[in-house]
Amino acid sequence: MKRSRLLSATVAWPTCALGAWSAAWLTGRCSPDDVIEALAESADRHLLHWPDGGVAGAEQNSPATGSANGVLDLLALLRPARRLVVRLPSTGDPQGLPPHVATSAALGAGEVLLVDDAAGAGTLALVPEFAADTADPPFVTCTWSAYRYDATLDLGHLVSAGPSAGDLEYELRQAVREATTIIGGLGGRRSADASDLRTELAALTSRHRVALPPHLLDARSTRLIDTAAQVEAIVDLAGARSVEIGDSAGQWDSGDATLRGLQALTRTARAAAVNHTILELLRR
């Protein structure tokens, strides 16, 4: 199995899973095993890495079944957390993160979990990076790099500065219409092509869907996450197939901007839904 295929078979956005399920664990609503199980959807093994101090927890040569150790290292690091915030930045959209090596890493990964742990040494940032090993059996490793910002970030402002959940839900409904138009440029004429397209879209949608803890089921957050997953699956497939939007070079450029805009919207909506869940869990 190729590395790219191995990675695409895992669930995306481990920061969302770690943030939401850790909040449930911190408030006594689930056990460490539940967090381990949630993160196992993203990778077979998890490692905690301090860029200035090497790897903690499970060793690089440990078997794929050693994922629990790395997650327990993460939970030990998160135990004193007072607030957890997910950011899903992308090129040109740092989502309020200041210039710093942690922000550069977050932009490269497309996600970061920010932690206010009252350590007094600046906000903690956890950035995941995936690697696939085609050993027998094949497995995926997620290495979490831990950084400290030079100062404590205002996590409350980072969350409140974004669009409201109602506005995001409206924008996503509009995005679904645009995505539906894009689908028309993806499918083939043969029924087999259409079947393959449906299969690929279903797999990508499942990959982008974040499973929230069942302890706080908020209908709007669930809708935001599900709709964002559907739209981003279409954007991913359009990018992979280099679908042409429009009939001229100028329109194609506009089409690229449309895809980038849709992707940015899905990231904002997903982060907002997860952060709402985290906030509600931690305040109860």
C-alpha atoms as a PDB file:
ATOM      1  CA  MET A   1       0.000   0.000   0.000  1.00  0.00           C
ATOM      2  CA  LYS A   2       1.428   3.388  -1.021  1.00  0.00           C
ATOM      3  CA  ARG A   3       2.106   6.003   1.659  1.00  0.00           C
ATOM      4  CA  SER A   4      -0.360   8.525   0.190  1.00  0.00           C
ATOM      5  CA  ARG A   5      -3.120   5.925   0.077  1.00  0.00           C
ATOM      6  CA  LEU A   6      -2.310   4.826   3.618  1.00  0.00           C
ATOM      7  CA  LEU A   7      -2.590   8.410   4.885  1.00  0.00           C
ATOM      8  CA  SER A   8      -5.802   9.117   2.979  1.00  0.00           C
ATOM      9  CA  ALA A   9      -7.439   6.154   4.701  1.00  0.00           C
ATOM     10  CA  THR A  10      -7.144   7.829   8.114  1.00  0.00           C
ATOM     11  CA  VAL A  11      -9.469  10.406   9.645  1.00  0.00           C
ATOM     12  CA  ALA A  12      -8.250  13.987   9.277  1.00  0.00           C
ATOM     13  CA  TRP A  13      -8.070  16.792  11.866  1.00  0.00           C
ATOM     14  CA  PRO A  14      -6.553  15.027  14.905  1.00  0.00           C
ATOM     15  CA  THR A  15      -6.357  18.381  16.726  1.00  0.00           C
ATOM     16  CA  CYS A  16     -10.159  18.504  16.686  1.00  0.00           C
ATOM     17  CA  ALA A  17     -10.392  15.011  18.148  1.00  0.00           C
ATOM     18  CA  LEU A  18      -7.691  15.677  20.760  1.00  0.00           C
ATOM     19  CA  GLY A  19      -9.247  19.000  21.798  1.00  0.00           C
ATOM     20  CA  ALA A  20     -12.836  17.785  22.087  1.00  0.00           C
ATOM     21  CA  TRP A  21     -12.150  14.407  23.694  1.00  0.00           C
ATOM     22  CA  SER A  22      -9.532  15.848  26.066  1.00  0.00           C
ATOM     23  CA  ALA A  23     -12.109  18.388  27.235  1.00  0.00           C
ATOM     24  CA  ALA A  24     -14.486  15.514  27.962  1.00  0.00           C
ATOM     25  CA  TRP A  25     -11.729  13.680  29.821  1.00  0.00           C
ATOM     26  CA  LEU A  26     -10.689  16.755  31.843  1.00  0.00           C
ATOM     27  CA  THR A  27     -14.255  17.141  33.090  1.00  0.00           C
ATOM     28  CA  GLY A  28     -14.663  13.478  33.991  1.00  0.00           C
ATOM     29  CA  ARG A  29     -17.003  12.564  31.142  1.00  0.00           C
ATOM     30  CA  CYS A  30     -14.771   9.946  29.586  1.00  0.00           C
ATOM     31  CA  SER A  31     -11.693   7.860  30.326  1.00  0.00           C
ATOM     32  CA  PRO A  32      -8.203   8.055  28.805  1.00  0.00           C
ATOM     33  CA  ASP A  33      -9.130   4.939  26.824  1.00  0.00           C
ATOM     34  CA  ASP A  34     -11.880   6.926  25.090  1.00  0.00           C
ATOM     35  CA  VAL A  35      -9.358   9.581  24.028  1.00  0.00           C
ATOM     36  CA  ILE A  36      -6.969   6.876  22.823  1.00  0.00           C
ATOM     37  CA  GLU A  37      -9.769   5.291  20.783  1.00  0.00           C
ATOM     38  CA  ALA A  38     -10.741   8.640  19.230  1.00  0.00           C
ATOM     39  CA  LEU A  39      -7.157   9.407  18.190  1.00  0.00           C
ATOM     40  CA  ALA A  40      -6.672   5.884  16.839  1.00  0.00           C
ATOM     41  CA  GLU A  41      -8.947   6.939  13.966  1.00  0.00           C
ATOM     42  CA  SER A  42      -6.197   9.321  12.800  1.00  0.00           C
ATOM     43  CA  ALA A  43      -3.077   7.216  13.347  1.00  0.00           C
ATOM     44  CA  ASP A  44      -1.914   3.835  14.625  1.00  0.00           C
ATOM     45  CA  ARG A  45       0.758   5.437  16.795  1.00  0.00           C
ATOM     46  CA  HIS A  46       1.172   8.847  18.433  1.00  0.00           C
ATOM     47  CA  LEU A  47       4.420  10.434  19.599  1.00  0.00           C
ATOM     48  CA  LEU A  48       5.051  13.626  21.564  1.00  0.00           C
ATOM     49  CA  HIS A  49       8.012  15.650  20.328  1.00  0.00           C
ATOM     50  CA  TRP A  50       9.609  18.790  21.758  1.00  0.00           C
ATOM     51  CA  PRO A  51      11.618  20.315  18.886  1.00  0.00           C
ATOM     52  CA  ASP A  52      14.230  21.518  21.384  1.00  0.00           C
ATOM     53  CA  GLY A  53      14.362  18.334  23.429  1.00  0.00           C
ATOM     54  CA  GLY A  54      13.700  15.207  21.343  1.00  0.00           C
ATOM     55  CA  VAL A  55      10.911  12.678  21.497  1.00  0.00           C
ATOM     56  CA  ALA A  56       9.021  11.868  24.680  1.00  0.00           C
ATOM     57  CA  GLY A  57       6.949   8.807  25.388  1.00  0.00           C
ATOM     58  CA  ALA A  58       6.927   5.982  22.873  1.00  0.00           C
ATOM     59  CA  GLU A  59      10.246   5.454  21.081  1.00  0.00           C
ATOM     60  CA  GLN A  60      10.565   5.753  17.324  1.00  0.00           C
ATOM     61  CA  ASN A  61      11.223   2.015  16.982  1.00  0.00           C
ATOM     62  CA  SER A  62       8.309   0.900  19.137  1.00  0.00           C
ATOM     63  CA  PRO A  63       5.636  -1.272  17.495  1.00  0.00           C
ATOM     64  CA  ALA A  64       2.557   0.259  15.899  1.00  0.00           C
ATOM     65  CA  THR A  65       0.487  -0.914  18.839  1.00  0.00           C
ATOM     66  CA  GLY A  66       2.366   1.515  21.094  1.00  0.00           C
ATOM     67  CA  SER A  67       0.021   4.395  20.286  1.00  0.00           C
ATOM     68  CA  ALA A  68      -1.454   4.466  23.782  1.00  0.00           C
ATOM     69  CA  ASN A  69       1.809   5.616  25.341  1.00  0.00           C
ATOM     70  CA  GLY A  70       2.010   8.687  23.115  1.00  0.00           C
ATOM     71  CA  VAL A  71      -1.603   9.650  23.801  1.00  0.00           C
ATOM     72  CA  LEU A  72      -1.041   9.261  27.540  1.00  0.00           C
ATOM     73  CA  ASP A  73       1.959  11.583  27.223  1.00  0.00           C
ATOM     74  CA  LEU A  74      -0.324  14.100  25.527  1.00  0.00           C
ATOM     75  CA  LEU A  75      -2.934  13.770  28.262  1.00  0.00           C
ATOM     76  CA  ALA A  76      -0.309  14.298  30.946  1.00  0.00           C
ATOM     77  CA  LEU A  77       0.704  17.478  29.142  1.00  0.00           C
ATOM     78  CA  LEU A  78      -2.931  18.611  28.892  1.00  0.00           C
ATOM     79  CA  ARG A  79      -3.917  17.772  32.474  1.00  0.00           C
ATOM     80  CA  PRO A  80      -3.350  21.356  33.796  1.00  0.00           C
ATOM     81  CA  ALA A  81      -5.159  22.927  30.810  1.00  0.00           C
ATOM     82  CA  ARG A  82      -7.637  25.672  31.610  1.00  0.00           C
ATOM     83  CA  ARG A  83      -8.641  26.311  28.019  1.00  0.00           C
ATOM     84  CA  LEU A  84      -8.257  24.480  24.708  1.00  0.00           C
ATOM     85  CA  VAL A  85      -8.731  26.107  21.311  1.00  0.00           C
ATOM     86  CA  VAL A  86      -8.410  24.603  17.845  1.00  0.00           C
ATOM     87  CA  ARG A  87      -7.106  26.677  14.940  1.00  0.00           C
ATOM     88  CA  LEU A  88      -7.096  25.398  11.351  1.00  0.00           C
ATOM     89  CA  PRO A  89      -4.966  27.990   9.513  1.00  0.00           C
ATOM     90  CA  SER A  90      -3.948  27.945   5.874  1.00  0.00           C
ATOM     91  CA  THR A  91      -1.727  30.020   3.601  1.00  0.00           C
ATOM     92  CA  GLY A  92      -2.998  33.588   3.676  1.00  0.00           C
ATOM     93  CA  ASP A  93      -5.334  32.822   6.581  1.00  0.00           C
ATOM     94  CA  PRO A  94      -3.353  32.457   9.847  1.00  0.00           C
ATOM     95  CA  GLN A  95      -6.622  32.709  11.833  1.00  0.00           C
ATOM     96  CA  GLY A  96      -5.247  35.288  14.234  1.00  0.00           C
ATOM     97  CA  LEU A  97      -2.030  33.437  15.091  1.00  0.00           C
ATOM     98  CA  PRO A  98       0.987  35.773  15.585  1.00  0.00           C
ATOM     99  CA  PRO A  99       4.330  35.330  13.781  1.00  0.00           C
ATOM    100  CA  HIS A 100       6.243  32.551  15.532  1.00  0.00           C
ATOM    101  CA  VAL A 101       7.864  29.191  14.784  1.00  0.00           C
ATOM    102  CA  ALA A 102       4.721  27.549  16.209  1.00  0.00           C
ATOM    103  CA  THR A 103       2.556  29.456  13.734  1.00  0.00           C
ATOM    104  CA  SER A 104       4.817  28.443  10.846  1.00  0.00           C
ATOM    105  CA  ALA A 105       4.469  24.815  11.906  1.00  0.00           C
ATOM    106  CA  ALA A 106       0.688  25.211  12.244  1.00  0.00           C
ATOM    107  CA  LEU A 107       0.433  26.701   8.763  1.00  0.00           C
ATOM    108  CA  GLY A 108       2.432  23.788   7.379  1.00  0.00           C
ATOM    109  CA  ALA A 109       0.201  21.235   9.090  1.00  0.00           C
ATOM    110  CA  GLY A 110      -3.036  23.174   8.593  1.00  0.00           C
ATOM    111  CA  GLU A 111      -4.000  22.737  12.235  1.00  0.00           C
ATOM    112  CA  VAL A 112      -2.914  23.363  15.823  1.00  0.00           C
ATOM    113  CA  LEU A 113      -4.314  22.823  19.305  1.00  0.00           C
ATOM    114  CA  LEU A 114      -3.645  25.825  21.572  1.00  0.00           C
ATOM    115  CA  VAL A 115      -3.497  25.228  25.312  1.00  0.00           C
ATOM    116  CA  ASP A 116      -3.752  27.691  28.174  1.00  0.00           C
ATOM    117  CA  ASP A 117      -2.168  25.703  30.994  1.00  0.00           C
ATOM    118  CA  ALA A 118      -1.310  28.565  33.364  1.00  0.00           C
ATOM    119  CA  ALA A 119       2.378  27.679  33.096  1.00  0.00           C
ATOM    120  CA  GLY A 120       3.228  31.365  32.766  1.00  0.00           C
ATOM    121  CA  ALA A 121       5.665  30.708  29.950  1.00  0.00           C
ATOM    122  CA  GLY A 122       3.376  31.347  27.000  1.00  0.00           C
ATOM    123  CA  THR A 123       0.597  29.455  25.265  1.00  0.00           C
ATOM    124  CA  LEU A 124       1.353  25.830  24.432  1.00  0.00           C
ATOM    125  CA  ALA A 125       0.846  24.777  20.804  1.00  0.00           C
ATOM    126  CA  LEU A 126       0.511  21.161  19.662  1.00  0.00           C
ATOM    127  CA  VAL A 127       1.020  20.583  15.937  1.00  0.00           C
ATOM    128  CA  PRO A 128       0.518  17.121  14.357  1.00  0.00           C
ATOM    129  CA  GLU A 129       2.512  15.665  11.480  1.00  0.00           C
ATOM    130  CA  PHE A 130       1.737  12.360   9.790  1.00  0.00           C
ATOM    131  CA  ALA A 131       4.116   9.767   8.397  1.00  0.00           C
ATOM    132  CA  ALA A 132       3.227   6.435   6.809  1.00  0.00           C
ATOM    133  CA  ASP A 133       5.295   3.274   7.107  1.00  0.00           C
ATOM    134  CA  THR A 134       4.671   0.533   4.574  1.00  0.00           C
ATOM    135  CA  ALA A 135       6.008  -2.207   6.847  1.00  0.00           C
ATOM    136  CA  ASP A 136       4.030  -5.401   7.272  1.00  0.00           C
ATOM    137  CA  PRO A 137       1.532  -4.594   8.620  1.00  0.00           C
ATOM    138  CA  PRO A 138       1.556  -0.968   7.402  1.00  0.00           C
ATOM    139  CA  PHE A 139       0.836   1.805   9.903  1.00  0.00           C
ATOM    140  CA  VAL A 140       0.581   5.575  10.281  1.00  0.00           C
ATOM    141  CA  THR A 141       2.408   7.606  12.922  1.00  0.00           C
ATOM    142  CA  CYS A 142       1.272  11.028  14.116  1.00  0.00           C
ATOM    143  CA  THR A 143       4.047  13.055  15.761  1.00  0.00           C
ATOM    144  CA  TRP A 144       2.841  15.941  17.901  1.00  0.00           C
ATOM    145  CA  SER A 145       5.386  18.772  18.074  1.00  0.00           C
ATOM    146  CA  ALA A 146       5.001  20.920  21.196  1.00  0.00           C
ATOM    147  CA  TYR A 147       5.916  24.606  21.061  1.00  0.00           C
ATOM    148  CA  ARG A 148       5.632  27.534  23.452  1.00  0.00           C
ATOM    149  CA  TYR A 149       4.656  30.984  22.237  1.00  0.00           C
ATOM    150  CA  ASP A 150       6.668  33.823  23.763  1.00  0.00           C
ATOM    151  CA  ALA A 151       3.541  35.200  25.412  1.00  0.00           C
ATOM    152  CA  THR A 152       0.116  33.975  26.490  1.00  0.00           C
ATOM    153  CA  LEU A 153      -2.325  34.334  23.601  1.00  0.00           C
ATOM    154  CA  ASP A 154      -5.836  35.643  24.183  1.00  0.00           C
ATOM    155  CA  LEU A 155      -7.620  32.425  23.243  1.00  0.00           C
ATOM    156  CA  GLY A 156     -11.027  33.857  24.059  1.00  0.00           C
ATOM    157  CA  HIS A 157     -10.499  36.660  21.541  1.00  0.00           C
ATOM    158  CA  LEU A 158      -9.264  34.226  18.877  1.00  0.00           C
ATOM    159  CA  VAL A 159     -12.559  32.355  19.107  1.00  0.00           C
ATOM    160  CA  SER A 160     -14.939  35.284  19.542  1.00  0.00           C
ATOM    161  CA  ALA A 161     -13.359  37.301  16.719  1.00  0.00           C
ATOM    162  CA  GLY A 162     -14.646  34.876  14.100  1.00  0.00           C
ATOM    163  CA  PRO A 163     -18.076  34.712  12.439  1.00  0.00           C
ATOM    164  CA  SER A 164     -21.063  33.579  14.478  1.00  0.00           C
ATOM    165  CA  ALA A 165     -22.340  30.012  14.204  1.00  0.00           C
ATOM    166  CA  GLY A 166     -25.493  31.298  12.533  1.00  0.00           C
ATOM    167  CA  ASP A 167     -23.517  33.197   9.889  1.00  0.00           C
ATOM    168  CA  LEU A 168     -21.302  30.177   9.262  1.00  0.00           C
ATOM    169  CA  GLU A 169     -24.296  27.900   8.853  1.00  0.00           C
ATOM    170  CA  TYR A 170     -25.800  30.289   6.287  1.00  0.00           C
ATOM    171  CA  GLU A 171     -22.485  30.555   4.405  1.00  0.00           C
ATOM    172  CA  LEU A 172     -22.145  26.785   4.354  1.00  0.00           C
ATOM    173  CA  ARG A 173     -25.622  26.423   2.859  1.00  0.00           C
ATOM    174  CA  GLN A 174     -24.519  28.777   0.091  1.00  0.00           C
ATOM    175  CA  ALA A 175     -21.288  26.779  -0.244  1.00  0.00           C
ATOM    176  CA  VAL A 176     -23.261  23.577  -0.769  1.00  0.00           C
ATOM    177  CA  ARG A 177     -24.882  25.175  -3.819  1.00  0.00           C
ATOM    178  CA  GLU A 178     -21.474  26.099  -5.233  1.00  0.00           C
ATOM    179  CA  ALA A 179     -20.131  22.643  -4.457  1.00  0.00           C
ATOM    180  CA  THR A 180     -23.088  21.050  -6.214  1.00  0.00           C
ATOM    181  CA  THR A 181     -22.175  22.987  -9.358  1.00  0.00           C
ATOM    182  CA  ILE A 182     -18.578  21.788  -9.062  1.00  0.00           C
ATOM    183  CA  ILE A 183     -19.739  18.166  -8.876  1.00  0.00           C
ATOM    184  CA  GLY A 184     -21.123  18.600 -12.385  1.00  0.00           C
ATOM    185  CA  GLY A 185     -17.561  19.078 -13.628  1.00  0.00           C
ATOM    186  CA  LEU A 186     -16.264  16.020 -11.798  1.00  0.00           C
ATOM    187  CA  GLY A 187     -18.445  13.154 -12.970  1.00  0.00           C
ATOM    188  CA  GLY A 188     -18.112  11.100 -16.115  1.00  0.00           C
ATOM    189  CA  ARG A 189     -20.832  10.048 -18.505  1.00  0.00           C
ATOM    190  CA  ARG A 190     -20.583   6.320 -17.769  1.00  0.00           C
ATOM    191  CA  SER A 191     -22.454   4.914 -14.793  1.00  0.00           C
ATOM    192  CA  ALA A 192     -19.203   3.326 -13.578  1.00  0.00           C
ATOM    193  CA  ASP A 193     -17.577   6.767 -13.452  1.00  0.00           C
ATOM    194  CA  ALA A 194     -20.508   8.158 -11.481  1.00  0.00           C
ATOM    195  CA  SER A 195     -20.294   5.225  -9.075  1.00  0.00           C
ATOM    196  CA  ASP A 196     -16.559   5.790  -8.570  1.00  0.00           C
ATOM    197  CA  LEU A 197     -17.227   9.468  -7.935  1.00  0.00           C
ATOM    198  CA  ARG A 198     -19.828   8.697  -5.273  1.00  0.00           C
ATOM    199  CA  THR A 199     -17.454   6.239  -3.605  1.00  0.00           C
ATOM    200  CA  GLU A 200     -14.590   8.742  -3.551  1.00  0.00           C
ATOM    201  CA  LEU A 201     -16.800  11.527  -2.224  1.00  0.00           C
ATOM    202  CA  ALA A 202     -18.191   9.282   0.506  1.00  0.00           C
ATOM    203  CA  ALA A 203     -14.687   8.257   1.596  1.00  0.00           C
ATOM    204  CA  LEU A 204     -13.427  11.854   1.638  1.00  0.00           C
ATOM    205  CA  THR A 205     -16.498  13.073   3.504  1.00  0.00           C
ATOM    206  CA  SER A 206     -15.952  10.404   6.149  1.00  0.00           C
ATOM    207  CA  ARG A 207     -12.277  11.387   6.388  1.00  0.00           C
ATOM    208  CA  HIS A 208     -13.125  15.051   7.067  1.00  0.00           C
ATOM    209  CA  ARG A 209     -15.931  14.374   9.551  1.00  0.00           C
ATOM    210  CA  VAL A 210     -14.986  14.971  13.201  1.00  0.00           C
ATOM    211  CA  ALA A 211     -16.544  12.600  15.752  1.00  0.00           C
ATOM    212  CA  LEU A 212     -17.453  14.741  18.767  1.00  0.00           C
ATOM    213  CA  PRO A 213     -17.857  13.282  22.261  1.00  0.00           C
ATOM    214  CA  PRO A 214     -21.450  12.165  22.831  1.00  0.00           C
ATOM    215  CA  HIS A 215     -21.600  13.955  26.180  1.00  0.00           C
ATOM    216  CA  LEU A 216     -22.629  17.247  24.578  1.00  0.00           C
ATOM    217  CA  LEU A 217     -24.511  16.797  21.339  1.00  0.00           C
ATOM    218  CA  ASP A 218     -25.218  20.227  19.880  1.00  0.00           C
ATOM    219  CA  ALA A 219     -27.347  20.087  16.732  1.00  0.00           C
ATOM    220  CA  ARG A 220     -25.840  23.176  15.113  1.00  0.00           C
ATOM    221  CA  SER A 221     -22.235  22.090  15.775  1.00  0.00           C
ATOM    222  CA  THR A 222     -23.018  18.678  14.303  1.00  0.00           C
ATOM    223  CA  ARG A 223     -24.565  20.275  11.210  1.00  0.00           C
ATOM    224  CA  LEU A 224     -21.560  22.570  10.761  1.00  0.00           C
ATOM    225  CA  ILE A 225     -19.128  19.672  10.966  1.00  0.00           C
ATOM    226  CA  ASP A 226     -21.127  17.413   8.654  1.00  0.00           C
ATOM    227  CA  THR A 227     -21.714  20.093   6.025  1.00  0.00           C
ATOM    228  CA  ALA A 228     -18.090  21.244   6.174  1.00  0.00           C
ATOM    229  CA  ALA A 229     -16.990  17.641   5.605  1.00  0.00           C
ATOM    230  CA  GLN A 230     -19.228  17.322   2.536  1.00  0.00           C
ATOM    231  CA  VAL A 231     -18.036  20.589   0.992  1.00  0.00           C
ATOM    232  CA  GLU A 232     -14.362  19.925   1.694  1.00  0.00           C
ATOM    233  CA  ALA A 233     -14.625  16.458   0.164  1.00  0.00           C
ATOM    234  CA  ILE A 234     -15.814  18.068  -3.074  1.00  0.00           C
ATOM    235  CA  VAL A 235     -13.037  20.686  -2.926  1.00  0.00           C
ATOM    236  CA  ASP A 236     -10.420  17.962  -2.396  1.00  0.00           C
ATOM    237  CA  LEU A 237     -11.702  15.916  -5.302  1.00  0.00           C
ATOM    238  CA  ALA A 238     -11.930  18.970  -7.564  1.00  0.00           C
ATOM    239  CA  GLY A 239      -8.322  19.810  -6.745  1.00  0.00           C
ATOM    240  CA  ALA A 240      -7.140  16.241  -7.276  1.00  0.00           C
ATOM    241  CA  ARG A 241      -8.896  16.003 -10.642  1.00  0.00           C
ATOM    242  CA  SER A 242      -7.915  19.538 -11.699  1.00  0.00           C
ATOM    243  CA  VAL A 243     -11.518  20.301 -12.573  1.00  0.00           C
ATOM    244  CA  GLU A 244     -11.942  23.379 -14.767  1.00  0.00           C
ATOM    245  CA  ILE A 245     -14.481  25.909 -13.550  1.00  0.00           C
ATOM    246  CA  GLY A 246     -15.499  28.277 -16.314  1.00  0.00           C
ATOM    247  CA  ASP A 247     -14.750  28.622 -20.028  1.00  0.00           C
ATOM    248  CA  SER A 248     -11.809  31.028 -20.025  1.00  0.00           C
ATOM    249  CA  ALA A 249      -8.474  31.462 -18.288  1.00  0.00           C
ATOM    250  CA  GLY A 250      -9.900  34.316 -16.256  1.00  0.00           C
ATOM    251  CA  GLN A 251     -12.793  32.177 -15.094  1.00  0.00           C
ATOM    252  CA  TRP A 252     -10.425  29.314 -14.273  1.00  0.00           C
ATOM    253  CA  ASP A 253      -8.465  31.668 -12.018  1.00  0.00           C
ATOM    254  CA  SER A 254     -11.733  32.641 -10.397  1.00  0.00           C
ATOM    255  CA  GLY A 255     -12.519  28.955 -10.040  1.00  0.00           C
ATOM    256  CA  ASP A 256      -9.288  28.378  -8.118  1.00  0.00           C
ATOM    257  CA  ALA A 257     -10.222  31.274  -5.847  1.00  0.00           C
ATOM    258  CA  THR A 258     -13.641  29.692  -5.364  1.00  0.00           C
ATOM    259  CA  LEU A 259     -12.083  26.416  -4.225  1.00  0.00           C
ATOM    260  CA  ARG A 260      -9.717  28.235  -1.851  1.00  0.00           C
ATOM    261  CA  GLY A 261     -12.616  30.239  -0.444  1.00  0.00           C
ATOM    262  CA  LEU A 262     -14.706  27.112   0.103  1.00  0.00           C
ATOM    263  CA  GLN A 263     -11.831  25.361   1.830  1.00  0.00           C
ATOM    264  CA  ALA A 264     -11.193  28.355   4.122  1.00  0.00           C
ATOM    265  CA  LEU A 265     -14.896  28.424   5.012  1.00  0.00           C
ATOM    266  CA  THR A 266     -14.955  24.726   5.892  1.00  0.00           C
ATOM    267  CA  ARG A 267     -11.919  25.151   8.145  1.00  0.00           C
ATOM    268  CA  THR A 268     -13.457  28.126   9.930  1.00  0.00           C
ATOM    269  CA  ALA A 269     -16.770  26.329  10.414  1.00  0.00           C
ATOM    270  CA  ARG A 270     -15.160  23.109  11.652  1.00  0.00           C
ATOM    271  CA  ALA A 271     -12.968  24.966  14.151  1.00  0.00           C
ATOM    272  CA  ALA A 272     -15.932  27.016  15.394  1.00  0.00           C
ATOM    273  CA  ALA A 273     -18.039  23.898  15.980  1.00  0.00           C
ATOM    274  CA  VAL A 274     -15.258  22.061  17.814  1.00  0.00           C
ATOM    275  CA  ASN A 275     -14.336  25.099  19.917  1.00  0.00           C
ATOM    276  CA  HIS A 276     -17.967  25.558  20.919  1.00  0.00           C
ATOM    277  CA  THR A 277     -18.077  21.928  22.045  1.00  0.00           C
ATOM    278  CA  ILE A 278     -14.820  22.303  24.007  1.00  0.00           C
ATOM    279  CA  LEU A 279     -16.024  25.497  25.687  1.00  0.00           C
ATOM    280  CA  GLU A 280     -19.345  23.959  26.707  1.00  0.00           C
ATOM    281  CA  LEU A 281     -17.632  20.860  28.103  1.00  0.00           C
ATOM    282  CA  LEU A 282     -15.062  22.813  30.113  1.00  0.00           C
ATOM    283  CA  ARG A 283     -17.572  25.240  31.594  1.00  0.00           C
ATOM    284  CA  ARG A 284     -19.830  22.534  33.069  1.00  0.00           C
END
